[in-house]
């Protein structure tokens, strides 16, 4: 076995793996940002439409799940 083959087999992740990981992190961060907020100006008033909006209840968790699936793909992708 040559030195080149030994060096190549020691590399755990390739450049494309890191790119996919970065894409996954962006999706997860976007989901977290979409979920944030909801503070009311008046603490005595509860705004149901703001807290339970489509963005916070549906879109943000879907974005985060997509991000985690991308991360899993990036980890198992051949280098």
PDB file of N, CA and C in Angstrom:
ATOM      1  N   UNK A   1       0.848  -1.177   0.000  1.00  0.00           N
ATOM      2  CA  UNK A   1       0.000   0.000   0.000  1.00  0.00           C
ATOM      3  C   UNK A   1       0.892   1.239   0.000  1.00  0.00           C
ATOM      4  N   UNK A   2       0.607   2.146  -0.908  1.00  0.00           N
ATOM      5  CA  UNK A   2       1.440   3.340  -1.026  1.00  0.00           C
ATOM      6  C   UNK A   2       1.047   4.383   0.023  1.00  0.00           C
ATOM      7  N   UNK A   3       1.906   5.411   0.132  1.00  0.00           N
ATOM      8  CA  UNK A   3       1.666   6.458   1.124  1.00  0.00           C
ATOM      9  C   UNK A   3       0.434   7.298   0.752  1.00  0.00           C
ATOM     10  N   UNK A   4       0.190   7.479  -0.550  1.00  0.00           N
ATOM     11  CA  UNK A   4      -0.974   8.236  -1.015  1.00  0.00           C
ATOM     12  C   UNK A   4      -2.275   7.556  -0.588  1.00  0.00           C
ATOM     13  N   UNK A   5      -2.348   6.246  -0.762  1.00  0.00           N
ATOM     14  CA  UNK A   5      -3.542   5.494  -0.390  1.00  0.00           C
ATOM     15  C   UNK A   5      -3.779   5.552   1.110  1.00  0.00           C
ATOM     16  N   UNK A   6      -2.715   5.475   1.885  1.00  0.00           N
ATOM     17  CA  UNK A   6      -2.847   5.541   3.339  1.00  0.00           C
ATOM     18  C   UNK A   6      -3.358   6.912   3.761  1.00  0.00           C
ATOM     19  N   UNK A   7      -2.826   7.971   3.169  1.00  0.00           N
ATOM     20  CA  UNK A   7      -3.247   9.325   3.502  1.00  0.00           C
ATOM     21  C   UNK A   7      -4.714   9.547   3.137  1.00  0.00           C
ATOM     22  N   UNK A   8      -5.130   9.048   1.984  1.00  0.00           N
ATOM     23  CA  UNK A   8      -6.502   9.229   1.537  1.00  0.00           C
ATOM     24  C   UNK A   8      -7.477   8.480   2.450  1.00  0.00           C
ATOM     25  N   UNK A   9      -7.117   7.319   2.939  1.00  0.00           N
ATOM     26  CA  UNK A   9      -8.018   6.552   3.783  1.00  0.00           C
ATOM     27  C   UNK A   9      -8.172   7.168   5.173  1.00  0.00           C
ATOM     28  N   UNK A  10      -7.253   8.045   5.589  1.00  0.00           N
ATOM     29  CA  UNK A  10      -7.339   8.683   6.891  1.00  0.00           C
ATOM     30  C   UNK A  10      -8.246   9.913   6.886  1.00  0.00           C
ATOM     31  N   UNK A  11      -8.574  10.428   5.715  1.00  0.00           N
ATOM     32  CA  UNK A  11      -9.442  11.593   5.615  1.00  0.00           C
ATOM     33  C   UNK A  11     -10.872  11.149   5.912  1.00  0.00           C
ATOM     34  N   UNK A  12     -11.450  11.759   6.936  1.00  0.00           N
ATOM     35  CA  UNK A  12     -12.782  11.353   7.358  1.00  0.00           C
ATOM     36  C   UNK A  12     -13.880  12.000   6.524  1.00  0.00           C
ATOM     37  N   UNK A  13     -13.780  13.314   6.310  1.00  0.00           N
ATOM     38  CA  UNK A  13     -14.768  14.048   5.531  1.00  0.00           C
ATOM     39  C   UNK A  13     -14.080  14.787   4.400  1.00  0.00           C
ATOM     40  N   UNK A  14     -14.786  14.882   3.286  1.00  0.00           N
ATOM     41  CA  UNK A  14     -14.286  15.640   2.150  1.00  0.00           C
ATOM     42  C   UNK A  14     -14.867  17.040   2.138  1.00  0.00           C
ATOM     43  N   UNK A  15     -14.491  17.797   1.125  1.00  0.00           N
ATOM     44  CA  UNK A  15     -14.957  19.179   0.992  1.00  0.00           C
ATOM     45  C   UNK A  15     -16.475  19.236   0.824  1.00  0.00           C
ATOM     46  N   UNK A  16     -17.032  18.312   0.077  1.00  0.00           N
ATOM     47  CA  UNK A  16     -18.477  18.322  -0.140  1.00  0.00           C
ATOM     48  C   UNK A  16     -19.238  18.001   1.149  1.00  0.00           C
ATOM     49  N   UNK A  17     -18.656  17.147   2.002  1.00  0.00           N
ATOM     50  CA  UNK A  17     -19.296  16.860   3.285  1.00  0.00           C
ATOM     51  C   UNK A  17     -19.422  18.123   4.120  1.00  0.00           C
ATOM     52  N   UNK A  18     -18.362  18.918   4.159  1.00  0.00           N
ATOM     53  CA  UNK A  18     -18.393  20.150   4.938  1.00  0.00           C
ATOM     54  C   UNK A  18     -19.369  21.161   4.347  1.00  0.00           C
ATOM     55  N   UNK A  19     -19.487  21.185   3.028  1.00  0.00           N
ATOM     56  CA  UNK A  19     -20.459  22.084   2.399  1.00  0.00           C
ATOM     57  C   UNK A  19     -21.879  21.689   2.796  1.00  0.00           C
ATOM     58  N   UNK A  20     -22.171  20.386   2.771  1.00  0.00           N
ATOM     59  CA  UNK A  20     -23.500  19.918   3.164  1.00  0.00           C
ATOM     60  C   UNK A  20     -23.760  20.199   4.633  1.00  0.00           C
ATOM     61  N   UNK A  21     -22.725  20.050   5.470  1.00  0.00           N
ATOM     62  CA  UNK A  21     -22.890  20.357   6.892  1.00  0.00           C
ATOM     63  C   UNK A  21     -23.224  21.828   7.100  1.00  0.00           C
ATOM     64  N   UNK A  22     -22.572  22.693   6.345  1.00  0.00           N
ATOM     65  CA  UNK A  22     -22.843  24.121   6.447  1.00  0.00           C
ATOM     66  C   UNK A  22     -24.279  24.443   6.012  1.00  0.00           C
ATOM     67  N   UNK A  23     -24.737  23.796   4.956  1.00  0.00           N
ATOM     68  CA  UNK A  23     -26.119  23.992   4.494  1.00  0.00           C
ATOM     69  C   UNK A  23     -27.094  23.539   5.587  1.00  0.00           C
ATOM     70  N   UNK A  24     -26.809  22.409   6.216  1.00  0.00           N
ATOM     71  CA  UNK A  24     -27.664  21.921   7.299  1.00  0.00           C
ATOM     72  C   UNK A  24     -27.710  22.875   8.474  1.00  0.00           C
ATOM     73  N   UNK A  25     -26.561  23.433   8.843  1.00  0.00           N
ATOM     74  CA  UNK A  25     -26.508  24.392   9.951  1.00  0.00           C
ATOM     75  C   UNK A  25     -27.312  25.645   9.602  1.00  0.00           C
ATOM     76  N   UNK A  26     -27.258  26.086   8.364  1.00  0.00           N
ATOM     77  CA  UNK A  26     -28.025  27.261   7.940  1.00  0.00           C
ATOM     78  C   UNK A  26     -29.526  26.982   8.070  1.00  0.00           C
ATOM     79  N   UNK A  27     -29.970  25.795   7.672  1.00  0.00           N
ATOM     80  CA  UNK A  27     -31.386  25.437   7.793  1.00  0.00           C
ATOM     81  C   UNK A  27     -31.816  25.396   9.256  1.00  0.00           C
ATOM     82  N   UNK A  28     -30.982  24.817  10.113  1.00  0.00           N
ATOM     83  CA  UNK A  28     -31.309  24.733  11.535  1.00  0.00           C
ATOM     84  C   UNK A  28     -31.372  26.132  12.145  1.00  0.00           C
ATOM     85  N   UNK A  29     -30.402  26.980  11.818  1.00  0.00           N
ATOM     86  CA  UNK A  29     -30.391  28.342  12.346  1.00  0.00           C
ATOM     87  C   UNK A  29     -31.595  29.134  11.851  1.00  0.00           C
ATOM     88  N   UNK A  30     -31.967  28.947  10.581  1.00  0.00           N
ATOM     89  CA  UNK A  30     -33.141  29.633  10.041  1.00  0.00           C
ATOM     90  C   UNK A  30     -34.407  29.189  10.772  1.00  0.00           C
ATOM     91  N   UNK A  31     -34.514  27.904  11.066  1.00  0.00           N
ATOM     92  CA  UNK A  31     -35.657  27.398  11.822  1.00  0.00           C
ATOM     93  C   UNK A  31     -35.725  27.996  13.216  1.00  0.00           C
ATOM     94  N   UNK A  32     -34.573  28.118  13.868  1.00  0.00           N
ATOM     95  CA  UNK A  32     -34.541  28.721  15.204  1.00  0.00           C
ATOM     96  C   UNK A  32     -34.955  30.190  15.146  1.00  0.00           C
ATOM     97  N   UNK A  33     -34.476  30.910  14.135  1.00  0.00           N
ATOM     98  CA  UNK A  33     -34.836  32.316  14.003  1.00  0.00           C
ATOM     99  C   UNK A  33     -36.325  32.496  13.708  1.00  0.00           C
ATOM    100  N   UNK A  34     -36.880  31.600  12.888  1.00  0.00           N
ATOM    101  CA  UNK A  34     -38.309  31.671  12.587  1.00  0.00           C
ATOM    102  C   UNK A  34     -39.161  31.378  13.821  1.00  0.00           C
ATOM    103  N   UNK A  35     -38.633  30.569  14.724  1.00  0.00           N
ATOM    104  CA  UNK A  35     -39.372  30.213  15.925  1.00  0.00           C
ATOM    105  C   UNK A  35     -39.287  31.290  17.012  1.00  0.00           C
ATOM    106  N   UNK A  36     -38.304  32.148  16.935  1.00  0.00           N
ATOM    107  CA  UNK A  36     -38.064  33.147  17.979  1.00  0.00           C
ATOM    108  C   UNK A  36     -39.111  34.265  17.927  1.00  0.00           C
ATOM    109  N   UNK A  37     -39.193  35.014  19.007  1.00  0.00           N
ATOM    110  CA  UNK A  37     -40.080  36.174  19.068  1.00  0.00           C
ATOM    111  C   UNK A  37     -41.372  35.869  19.783  1.00  0.00           C
ATOM    112  N   UNK A  38     -42.370  36.652  19.492  1.00  0.00           N
ATOM    113  CA  UNK A  38     -43.680  36.448  20.092  1.00  0.00           C
ATOM    114  C   UNK A  38     -43.912  37.241  21.357  1.00  0.00           C
ATOM    115  N   UNK A  39     -43.002  38.151  21.664  1.00  0.00           N
ATOM    116  CA  UNK A  39     -43.163  38.957  22.873  1.00  0.00           C
ATOM    117  C   UNK A  39     -44.247  40.004  22.650  1.00  0.00           C
ATOM    118  N   UNK A  40     -45.095  40.122  23.620  1.00  0.00           N
ATOM    119  CA  UNK A  40     -46.190  41.086  23.547  1.00  0.00           C
ATOM    120  C   UNK A  40     -45.775  42.387  24.228  1.00  0.00           C
ATOM    121  N   UNK A  41     -46.266  43.504  23.706  1.00  0.00           N
ATOM    122  CA  UNK A  41     -45.980  44.800  24.308  1.00  0.00           C
ATOM    123  C   UNK A  41     -46.640  44.913  25.675  1.00  0.00           C
ATOM    124  N   UNK A  42     -47.827  44.318  25.800  1.00  0.00           N
ATOM    125  CA  UNK A  42     -48.550  44.325  27.070  1.00  0.00           C
ATOM    126  C   UNK A  42     -48.561  42.903  27.632  1.00  0.00           C
ATOM    127  N   UNK A  43     -47.924  42.652  28.785  1.00  0.00           N
ATOM    128  CA  UNK A  43     -47.862  41.285  29.326  1.00  0.00           C
ATOM    129  C   UNK A  43     -49.221  40.745  29.775  1.00  0.00           C
ATOM    130  N   UNK A  44     -50.213  41.598  29.918  1.00  0.00           N
ATOM    131  CA  UNK A  44     -51.543  41.152  30.335  1.00  0.00           C
ATOM    132  C   UNK A  44     -52.400  40.678  29.170  1.00  0.00           C
ATOM    133  N   UNK A  45     -51.928  40.890  27.941  1.00  0.00           N
ATOM    134  CA  UNK A  45     -52.686  40.500  26.750  1.00  0.00           C
ATOM    135  C   UNK A  45     -51.977  39.329  26.074  1.00  0.00           C
ATOM    136  N   UNK A  46     -52.735  38.256  25.834  1.00  0.00           N
ATOM    137  CA  UNK A  46     -52.195  37.070  25.169  1.00  0.00           C
ATOM    138  C   UNK A  46     -52.703  37.046  23.735  1.00  0.00           C
ATOM    139  N   UNK A  47     -51.781  37.193  22.775  1.00  0.00           N
ATOM    140  CA  UNK A  47     -52.145  37.211  21.368  1.00  0.00           C
ATOM    141  C   UNK A  47     -51.971  35.798  20.797  1.00  0.00           C
ATOM    142  N   UNK A  48     -53.073  35.097  20.629  1.00  0.00           N
ATOM    143  CA  UNK A  48     -53.047  33.718  20.148  1.00  0.00           C
ATOM    144  C   UNK A  48     -52.488  33.635  18.735  1.00  0.00           C
ATOM    145  N   UNK A  49     -52.858  34.556  17.876  1.00  0.00           N
ATOM    146  CA  UNK A  49     -52.414  34.517  16.476  1.00  0.00           C
ATOM    147  C   UNK A  49     -50.912  34.724  16.351  1.00  0.00           C
ATOM    148  N   UNK A  50     -50.315  35.461  17.262  1.00  0.00           N
ATOM    149  CA  UNK A  50     -48.878  35.698  17.191  1.00  0.00           C
ATOM    150  C   UNK A  50     -48.082  34.494  17.712  1.00  0.00           C
ATOM    151  N   UNK A  51     -48.546  33.916  18.796  1.00  0.00           N
ATOM    152  CA  UNK A  51     -47.830  32.799  19.406  1.00  0.00           C
ATOM    153  C   UNK A  51     -48.008  31.522  18.586  1.00  0.00           C
ATOM    154  N   UNK A  52     -49.214  31.248  18.152  1.00  0.00           N
ATOM    155  CA  UNK A  52     -49.503  30.014  17.418  1.00  0.00           C
ATOM    156  C   UNK A  52     -49.636  30.272  15.924  1.00  0.00           C
ATOM    157  N   UNK A  53     -48.717  31.000  15.365  1.00  0.00           N
ATOM    158  CA  UNK A  53     -48.764  31.297  13.935  1.00  0.00           C
ATOM    159  C   UNK A  53     -48.195  30.130  13.123  1.00  0.00           C
ATOM    160  N   UNK A  54     -48.506  30.109  11.847  1.00  0.00           N
ATOM    161  CA  UNK A  54     -48.011  29.080  10.929  1.00  0.00           C
ATOM    162  C   UNK A  54     -46.491  29.045  10.939  1.00  0.00           C
ATOM    163  N   UNK A  55     -45.882  30.212  11.002  1.00  0.00           N
ATOM    164  CA  UNK A  55     -44.418  30.312  10.969  1.00  0.00           C
ATOM    165  C   UNK A  55     -43.788  29.588  12.154  1.00  0.00           C
ATOM    166  N   UNK A  56     -44.328  29.765  13.348  1.00  0.00           N
ATOM    167  CA  UNK A  56     -43.735  29.180  14.554  1.00  0.00           C
ATOM    168  C   UNK A  56     -44.111  27.720  14.766  1.00  0.00           C
ATOM    169  N   UNK A  57     -45.302  27.341  14.415  1.00  0.00           N
ATOM    170  CA  UNK A  57     -45.795  25.999  14.708  1.00  0.00           C
ATOM    171  C   UNK A  57     -45.491  25.006  13.588  1.00  0.00           C
ATOM    172  N   UNK A  58     -45.449  25.453  12.353  1.00  0.00           N
ATOM    173  CA  UNK A  58     -45.280  24.533  11.229  1.00  0.00           C
ATOM    174  C   UNK A  58     -43.978  24.748  10.472  1.00  0.00           C
ATOM    175  N   UNK A  59     -43.752  25.950  10.004  1.00  0.00           N
ATOM    176  CA  UNK A  59     -42.606  26.222   9.133  1.00  0.00           C
ATOM    177  C   UNK A  59     -41.264  26.037   9.849  1.00  0.00           C
ATOM    178  N   UNK A  60     -41.119  26.592  11.031  1.00  0.00           N
ATOM    179  CA  UNK A  60     -39.844  26.514  11.750  1.00  0.00           C
ATOM    180  C   UNK A  60     -39.445  25.071  12.079  1.00  0.00           C
ATOM    181  N   UNK A  61     -40.338  24.245  12.630  1.00  0.00           N
ATOM    182  CA  UNK A  61     -39.943  22.852  12.882  1.00  0.00           C
ATOM    183  C   UNK A  61     -39.604  22.071  11.612  1.00  0.00           C
ATOM    184  N   UNK A  62     -40.316  22.348  10.522  1.00  0.00           N
ATOM    185  CA  UNK A  62     -40.004  21.677   9.256  1.00  0.00           C
ATOM    186  C   UNK A  62     -38.614  22.068   8.778  1.00  0.00           C
ATOM    187  N   UNK A  63     -38.275  23.357   8.888  1.00  0.00           N
ATOM    188  CA  UNK A  63     -36.935  23.820   8.490  1.00  0.00           C
ATOM    189  C   UNK A  63     -35.862  23.134   9.334  1.00  0.00           C
ATOM    190  N   UNK A  64     -36.107  22.987  10.631  1.00  0.00           N
ATOM    191  CA  UNK A  64     -35.129  22.358  11.505  1.00  0.00           C
ATOM    192  C   UNK A  64     -34.980  20.871  11.200  1.00  0.00           C
ATOM    193  N   UNK A  65     -36.075  20.193  10.931  1.00  0.00           N
ATOM    194  CA  UNK A  65     -36.005  18.765  10.592  1.00  0.00           C
ATOM    195  C   UNK A  65     -35.252  18.577   9.280  1.00  0.00           C
ATOM    196  N   UNK A  66     -35.509  19.432   8.305  1.00  0.00           N
ATOM    197  CA  UNK A  66     -34.767  19.367   7.040  1.00  0.00           C
ATOM    198  C   UNK A  66     -33.277  19.577   7.307  1.00  0.00           C
ATOM    199  N   UNK A  67     -32.949  20.530   8.173  1.00  0.00           N
ATOM    200  CA  UNK A  67     -31.553  20.776   8.517  1.00  0.00           C
ATOM    201  C   UNK A  67     -30.895  19.567   9.156  1.00  0.00           C
ATOM    202  N   UNK A  68     -31.603  18.908  10.081  1.00  0.00           N
ATOM    203  CA  UNK A  68     -31.035  17.715  10.719  1.00  0.00           C
ATOM    204  C   UNK A  68     -30.884  16.571   9.720  1.00  0.00           C
ATOM    205  N   UNK A  69     -31.825  16.436   8.801  1.00  0.00           N
ATOM    206  CA  UNK A  69     -31.690  15.394   7.767  1.00  0.00           C
ATOM    207  C   UNK A  69     -30.504  15.675   6.847  1.00  0.00           C
ATOM    208  N   UNK A  70     -30.278  16.939   6.529  1.00  0.00           N
ATOM    209  CA  UNK A  70     -29.119  17.307   5.717  1.00  0.00           C
ATOM    210  C   UNK A  70     -27.827  16.983   6.477  1.00  0.00           C
ATOM    211  N   UNK A  71     -27.815  17.243   7.780  1.00  0.00           N
ATOM    212  CA  UNK A  71     -26.647  16.915   8.597  1.00  0.00           C
ATOM    213  C   UNK A  71     -26.367  15.417   8.601  1.00  0.00           C
ATOM    214  N   UNK A  72     -27.404  14.612   8.718  1.00  0.00           N
ATOM    215  CA  UNK A  72     -27.238  13.150   8.688  1.00  0.00           C
ATOM    216  C   UNK A  72     -26.688  12.724   7.331  1.00  0.00           C
ATOM    217  N   UNK A  73     -27.237  13.296   6.265  1.00  0.00           N
ATOM    218  CA  UNK A  73     -26.734  12.988   4.932  1.00  0.00           C
ATOM    219  C   UNK A  73     -25.253  13.352   4.806  1.00  0.00           C
ATOM    220  N   UNK A  74     -24.886  14.526   5.331  1.00  0.00           N
ATOM    221  CA  UNK A  74     -23.490  14.989   5.232  1.00  0.00           C
ATOM    222  C   UNK A  74     -22.550  14.059   6.000  1.00  0.00           C
ATOM    223  N   UNK A  75     -23.008  13.519   7.109  1.00  0.00           N
ATOM    224  CA  UNK A  75     -22.162  12.627   7.904  1.00  0.00           C
ATOM    225  C   UNK A  75     -21.949  11.277   7.219  1.00  0.00           C
ATOM    226  N   UNK A  76     -22.970  10.775   6.554  1.00  0.00           N
ATOM    227  CA  UNK A  76     -22.871   9.448   5.953  1.00  0.00           C
ATOM    228  C   UNK A  76     -22.433   9.448   4.490  1.00  0.00           C
ATOM    229  N   UNK A  77     -22.350  10.621   3.886  1.00  0.00           N
ATOM    230  CA  UNK A  77     -21.938  10.715   2.489  1.00  0.00           C
ATOM    231  C   UNK A  77     -20.479  10.284   2.355  1.00  0.00           C
ATOM    232  N   UNK A  78     -20.198   9.521   1.335  1.00  0.00           N
ATOM    233  CA  UNK A  78     -18.814   9.087   1.087  1.00  0.00           C
ATOM    234  C   UNK A  78     -17.971  10.285   0.716  1.00  0.00           C
ATOM    235  N   UNK A  79     -16.781  10.365   1.291  1.00  0.00           N
ATOM    236  CA  UNK A  79     -15.866  11.489   1.036  1.00  0.00           C
ATOM    237  C   UNK A  79     -15.293  11.417  -0.363  1.00  0.00           C
TER     238      UNK A  79
END
